[in-house]
Amino acid sequence: MANAEALRTRFDALARAYPPGQHGRWAARERADALDGWFREAFEPSPDGVALVALGGYGRRRQLPGSDIDVWIAVSGTSSACALPALASRILPNMPGVRK
């Protein structure tokens, strides 16, 4: 299971590395890279015909502190669509920033 706490720890370390308002492109790319790793781990094993697409700032590799995480799950075919509830139950409760 993808480790949301490890992702939060990495984000916190990036936040401490820069004073407020000084987060540059490098830090934004580091956040996007961290999210890539988290989603890759959370998405495994991924069902056939299902893809995750990063959008917005995340998709542009500019994931700023406090920004939302925009993703789109693309599905091909009805059998892939049937796999979505199981995939969502695996990802959403553990996604960083989701309040329980």
N, C-alpha and C. Protein backbone atom coordinates (compact mmCIF):
# COMPACT_ATOMS: atom_id res chain seq x y z
N MET A 1 0.85 -1.18 0.00
CA MET A 1 0.00 0.00 0.00
C MET A 1 0.89 1.24 0.00
N ALA A 2 0.49 2.22 -0.76
CA ALA A 2 1.24 3.47 -0.84
C ALA A 2 1.26 4.15 0.53
N ASN A 3 2.40 4.68 0.90
CA ASN A 3 2.59 5.24 2.22
C ASN A 3 2.37 6.75 2.19
N ALA A 4 1.19 7.20 2.60
CA ALA A 4 0.86 8.62 2.61
C ALA A 4 1.69 9.37 3.64
N GLU A 5 2.02 8.72 4.74
CA GLU A 5 2.83 9.38 5.78
C GLU A 5 4.23 9.69 5.26
N ALA A 6 4.81 8.78 4.49
CA ALA A 6 6.14 9.04 3.90
C ALA A 6 6.06 10.21 2.92
N LEU A 7 4.97 10.30 2.18
CA LEU A 7 4.80 11.42 1.25
C LEU A 7 4.66 12.73 2.01
N ARG A 8 3.88 12.74 3.09
CA ARG A 8 3.75 13.95 3.92
C ARG A 8 5.10 14.36 4.49
N THR A 9 5.88 13.39 4.94
CA THR A 9 7.20 13.68 5.49
C THR A 9 8.09 14.32 4.43
N ARG A 10 8.04 13.82 3.21
CA ARG A 10 8.84 14.39 2.12
C ARG A 10 8.38 15.82 1.80
N PHE A 11 7.07 16.03 1.77
CA PHE A 11 6.53 17.38 1.53
C PHE A 11 6.96 18.33 2.66
N ASP A 12 6.90 17.86 3.90
CA ASP A 12 7.31 18.70 5.04
C ASP A 12 8.78 19.08 4.95
N ALA A 13 9.62 18.13 4.55
CA ALA A 13 11.05 18.42 4.39
C ALA A 13 11.28 19.46 3.30
N LEU A 14 10.54 19.37 2.22
CA LEU A 14 10.65 20.38 1.16
C LEU A 14 10.19 21.75 1.66
N ALA A 15 9.14 21.78 2.47
CA ALA A 15 8.63 23.04 3.02
C ALA A 15 9.66 23.68 3.95
N ARG A 16 10.35 22.87 4.73
CA ARG A 16 11.37 23.40 5.64
C ARG A 16 12.61 23.88 4.90
N ALA A 17 12.83 23.38 3.70
CA ALA A 17 14.04 23.73 2.94
C ALA A 17 13.98 25.16 2.40
N TYR A 18 12.81 25.74 2.31
CA TYR A 18 12.64 27.07 1.74
C TYR A 18 11.77 27.92 2.66
N PRO A 19 12.08 29.22 2.77
CA PRO A 19 11.18 30.10 3.52
C PRO A 19 9.87 30.29 2.76
N PRO A 20 8.79 30.65 3.46
CA PRO A 20 7.50 30.84 2.78
C PRO A 20 7.62 31.81 1.60
N GLY A 21 6.98 31.45 0.50
CA GLY A 21 7.01 32.28 -0.69
C GLY A 21 8.24 32.09 -1.56
N GLN A 22 9.15 31.23 -1.15
CA GLN A 22 10.39 31.02 -1.91
C GLN A 22 10.49 29.63 -2.51
N HIS A 23 9.38 28.97 -2.66
CA HIS A 23 9.40 27.62 -3.25
C HIS A 23 9.55 27.76 -4.76
N GLY A 24 10.65 27.29 -5.26
CA GLY A 24 10.93 27.42 -6.68
C GLY A 24 10.50 26.23 -7.49
N ARG A 25 10.86 26.27 -8.76
CA ARG A 25 10.48 25.19 -9.68
C ARG A 25 11.07 23.85 -9.27
N TRP A 26 12.27 23.86 -8.73
CA TRP A 26 12.89 22.60 -8.30
C TRP A 26 12.02 21.92 -7.25
N ALA A 27 11.60 22.67 -6.24
CA ALA A 27 10.77 22.09 -5.17
C ALA A 27 9.43 21.63 -5.72
N ALA A 28 8.85 22.39 -6.66
CA ALA A 28 7.57 22.01 -7.26
C ALA A 28 7.72 20.70 -8.03
N ARG A 29 8.84 20.54 -8.75
CA ARG A 29 9.08 19.28 -9.47
C ARG A 29 9.31 18.14 -8.49
N GLU A 30 10.01 18.42 -7.39
CA GLU A 30 10.23 17.38 -6.38
C GLU A 30 8.90 16.89 -5.80
N ARG A 31 7.97 17.81 -5.55
CA ARG A 31 6.64 17.42 -5.06
C ARG A 31 5.92 16.56 -6.09
N ALA A 32 6.00 16.97 -7.36
CA ALA A 32 5.36 16.18 -8.43
C ALA A 32 5.99 14.80 -8.53
N ASP A 33 7.31 14.73 -8.41
CA ASP A 33 8.00 13.44 -8.44
C ASP A 33 7.56 12.56 -7.28
N ALA A 34 7.41 13.17 -6.10
CA ALA A 34 6.97 12.40 -4.93
C ALA A 34 5.57 11.86 -5.16
N LEU A 35 4.69 12.68 -5.73
CA LEU A 35 3.33 12.21 -6.04
C LEU A 35 3.35 11.10 -7.08
N ASP A 36 4.21 11.24 -8.08
CA ASP A 36 4.33 10.17 -9.09
C ASP A 36 4.64 8.84 -8.42
N GLY A 37 5.61 8.86 -7.51
CA GLY A 37 5.98 7.63 -6.81
C GLY A 37 4.84 7.09 -5.98
N TRP A 38 4.13 7.99 -5.30
CA TRP A 38 3.01 7.56 -4.46
C TRP A 38 1.92 6.93 -5.32
N PHE A 39 1.53 7.61 -6.40
CA PHE A 39 0.48 7.06 -7.27
C PHE A 39 0.93 5.77 -7.93
N ARG A 40 2.18 5.69 -8.33
CA ARG A 40 2.68 4.46 -8.96
C ARG A 40 2.52 3.29 -8.00
N GLU A 41 2.88 3.50 -6.74
CA GLU A 41 2.76 2.45 -5.74
C GLU A 41 1.29 2.14 -5.43
N ALA A 42 0.47 3.18 -5.33
CA ALA A 42 -0.94 2.99 -5.00
C ALA A 42 -1.71 2.33 -6.13
N PHE A 43 -1.27 2.55 -7.36
CA PHE A 43 -1.98 2.05 -8.54
C PHE A 43 -1.62 0.61 -8.87
N GLU A 44 -0.59 0.06 -8.24
CA GLU A 44 -0.17 -1.31 -8.53
C GLU A 44 -0.92 -2.32 -7.69
N PRO A 45 -1.38 -3.38 -8.23
CA PRO A 45 -1.42 -3.68 -9.66
C PRO A 45 -2.57 -2.90 -10.31
N SER A 46 -2.30 -2.31 -11.45
CA SER A 46 -3.35 -1.54 -12.13
C SER A 46 -4.11 -2.45 -13.09
N PRO A 47 -5.41 -2.27 -13.13
CA PRO A 47 -6.21 -3.09 -14.04
C PRO A 47 -5.90 -2.75 -15.50
N ASP A 48 -6.03 -3.72 -16.38
CA ASP A 48 -5.87 -3.45 -17.82
C ASP A 48 -6.90 -2.42 -18.26
N GLY A 49 -6.49 -1.53 -19.15
CA GLY A 49 -7.40 -0.55 -19.70
C GLY A 49 -7.67 0.64 -18.81
N VAL A 50 -6.87 0.82 -17.76
CA VAL A 50 -7.04 1.94 -16.84
C VAL A 50 -5.73 2.71 -16.78
N ALA A 51 -5.83 4.04 -16.89
CA ALA A 51 -4.64 4.90 -16.82
C ALA A 51 -4.93 6.09 -15.93
N LEU A 52 -3.91 6.55 -15.24
CA LEU A 52 -4.01 7.73 -14.40
C LEU A 52 -3.28 8.86 -15.11
N VAL A 53 -3.93 10.02 -15.23
CA VAL A 53 -3.36 11.17 -15.91
C VAL A 53 -3.29 12.33 -14.92
N ALA A 54 -2.11 12.92 -14.78
CA ALA A 54 -1.94 14.09 -13.92
C ALA A 54 -2.37 15.34 -14.68
N LEU A 55 -3.12 16.21 -14.01
CA LEU A 55 -3.63 17.44 -14.61
C LEU A 55 -3.19 18.65 -13.78
N GLY A 56 -3.49 19.84 -14.28
CA GLY A 56 -3.24 21.07 -13.52
C GLY A 56 -1.77 21.27 -13.21
N GLY A 57 -1.52 21.86 -12.05
CA GLY A 57 -0.15 22.11 -11.63
C GLY A 57 0.66 20.84 -11.51
N TYR A 58 0.04 19.80 -11.01
CA TYR A 58 0.72 18.51 -10.90
C TYR A 58 1.12 18.01 -12.28
N GLY A 59 0.23 18.09 -13.25
CA GLY A 59 0.53 17.64 -14.61
C GLY A 59 1.61 18.48 -15.27
N ARG A 60 1.70 19.75 -14.88
CA ARG A 60 2.75 20.64 -15.42
C ARG A 60 4.04 20.54 -14.63
N ARG A 61 4.09 19.66 -13.62
CA ARG A 61 5.26 19.46 -12.77
C ARG A 61 5.49 20.68 -11.88
N ARG A 62 4.41 21.37 -11.51
CA ARG A 62 4.49 22.54 -10.64
C ARG A 62 3.55 22.37 -9.45
N GLN A 63 3.81 21.34 -8.68
CA GLN A 63 2.98 21.04 -7.51
C GLN A 63 3.46 21.89 -6.35
N LEU A 64 2.77 23.00 -6.11
CA LEU A 64 3.15 23.94 -5.07
C LEU A 64 2.59 23.51 -3.72
N PRO A 65 3.19 24.01 -2.62
CA PRO A 65 2.68 23.66 -1.30
C PRO A 65 1.21 24.07 -1.16
N GLY A 66 0.41 23.19 -0.63
CA GLY A 66 -1.00 23.48 -0.42
C GLY A 66 -1.87 23.38 -1.66
N SER A 67 -1.28 23.06 -2.81
CA SER A 67 -2.06 22.94 -4.04
C SER A 67 -2.88 21.65 -4.01
N ASP A 68 -4.01 21.68 -4.73
CA ASP A 68 -4.78 20.46 -4.86
C ASP A 68 -4.06 19.51 -5.82
N ILE A 69 -4.49 18.27 -5.81
CA ILE A 69 -3.88 17.24 -6.65
C ILE A 69 -4.93 16.82 -7.67
N ASP A 70 -4.74 17.26 -8.91
CA ASP A 70 -5.71 16.97 -9.96
C ASP A 70 -5.27 15.75 -10.77
N VAL A 71 -6.12 14.73 -10.77
CA VAL A 71 -5.85 13.54 -11.58
C VAL A 71 -7.13 13.12 -12.28
N TRP A 72 -6.95 12.43 -13.37
CA TRP A 72 -8.06 11.89 -14.15
C TRP A 72 -7.78 10.42 -14.35
N ILE A 73 -8.76 9.58 -14.11
CA ILE A 73 -8.61 8.14 -14.35
C ILE A 73 -9.33 7.83 -15.65
N ALA A 74 -8.55 7.44 -16.66
CA ALA A 74 -9.10 7.10 -17.98
C ALA A 74 -9.36 5.60 -18.03
N VAL A 75 -10.51 5.24 -18.60
CA VAL A 75 -10.93 3.85 -18.65
C VAL A 75 -11.30 3.48 -20.08
N SER A 76 -10.89 2.29 -20.49
CA SER A 76 -11.23 1.79 -21.81
C SER A 76 -12.03 0.51 -21.66
N GLY A 77 -13.30 0.55 -21.98
CA GLY A 77 -14.12 -0.65 -21.93
C GLY A 77 -14.86 -0.83 -20.62
N THR A 78 -15.92 -1.62 -20.67
CA THR A 78 -16.75 -1.81 -19.49
C THR A 78 -16.07 -2.67 -18.43
N SER A 79 -15.24 -3.63 -18.84
CA SER A 79 -14.58 -4.46 -17.83
C SER A 79 -13.60 -3.62 -17.02
N SER A 80 -12.97 -2.65 -17.66
CA SER A 80 -12.08 -1.74 -16.93
C SER A 80 -12.87 -0.87 -15.98
N ALA A 81 -14.04 -0.40 -16.42
CA ALA A 81 -14.89 0.44 -15.57
C ALA A 81 -15.34 -0.32 -14.33
N CYS A 82 -15.55 -1.62 -14.47
CA CYS A 82 -15.96 -2.43 -13.33
C CYS A 82 -14.87 -2.51 -12.27
N ALA A 83 -13.62 -2.30 -12.67
CA ALA A 83 -12.50 -2.36 -11.73
C ALA A 83 -12.33 -1.08 -10.93
N LEU A 84 -13.02 0.00 -11.33
CA LEU A 84 -12.85 1.29 -10.67
C LEU A 84 -13.21 1.31 -9.19
N PRO A 85 -14.32 0.70 -8.76
CA PRO A 85 -14.62 0.76 -7.32
C PRO A 85 -13.51 0.16 -6.45
N ALA A 86 -12.96 -0.96 -6.87
CA ALA A 86 -11.87 -1.56 -6.10
C ALA A 86 -10.64 -0.68 -6.11
N LEU A 87 -10.34 -0.09 -7.26
CA LEU A 87 -9.19 0.81 -7.37
C LEU A 87 -9.39 2.03 -6.48
N ALA A 88 -10.58 2.62 -6.51
CA ALA A 88 -10.88 3.80 -5.70
C ALA A 88 -10.78 3.48 -4.21
N SER A 89 -11.26 2.31 -3.81
CA SER A 89 -11.21 1.95 -2.39
C SER A 89 -9.78 1.72 -1.92
N ARG A 90 -8.90 1.39 -2.85
CA ARG A 90 -7.49 1.19 -2.53
C ARG A 90 -6.75 2.53 -2.46
N ILE A 91 -7.11 3.47 -3.32
CA ILE A 91 -6.36 4.72 -3.43
C ILE A 91 -6.91 5.83 -2.53
N LEU A 92 -8.19 6.11 -2.62
CA LEU A 92 -8.74 7.30 -1.97
C LEU A 92 -8.55 7.37 -0.46
N PRO A 93 -8.78 6.30 0.30
CA PRO A 93 -8.61 6.44 1.75
C PRO A 93 -7.17 6.74 2.16
N ASN A 94 -6.22 6.42 1.32
CA ASN A 94 -4.80 6.60 1.66
C ASN A 94 -4.17 7.80 0.96
N MET A 95 -4.95 8.50 0.16
CA MET A 95 -4.42 9.62 -0.61
C MET A 95 -4.06 10.77 0.32
N PRO A 96 -2.90 11.38 0.09
CA PRO A 96 -2.49 12.51 0.92
C PRO A 96 -3.52 13.64 0.83
N GLY A 97 -3.82 14.23 1.95
CA GLY A 97 -4.73 15.37 1.96
C GLY A 97 -6.19 15.00 2.08
N VAL A 98 -6.54 13.72 1.98
CA VAL A 98 -7.94 13.31 2.13
C VAL A 98 -8.22 13.22 3.62
N ARG A 99 -9.20 13.96 4.05
CA ARG A 99 -9.55 13.97 5.48
C ARG A 99 -10.52 12.84 5.75
N LYS A 100 -10.28 12.17 6.83
CA LYS A 100 -11.14 11.02 7.21
C LYS A 100 -12.19 11.46 8.20
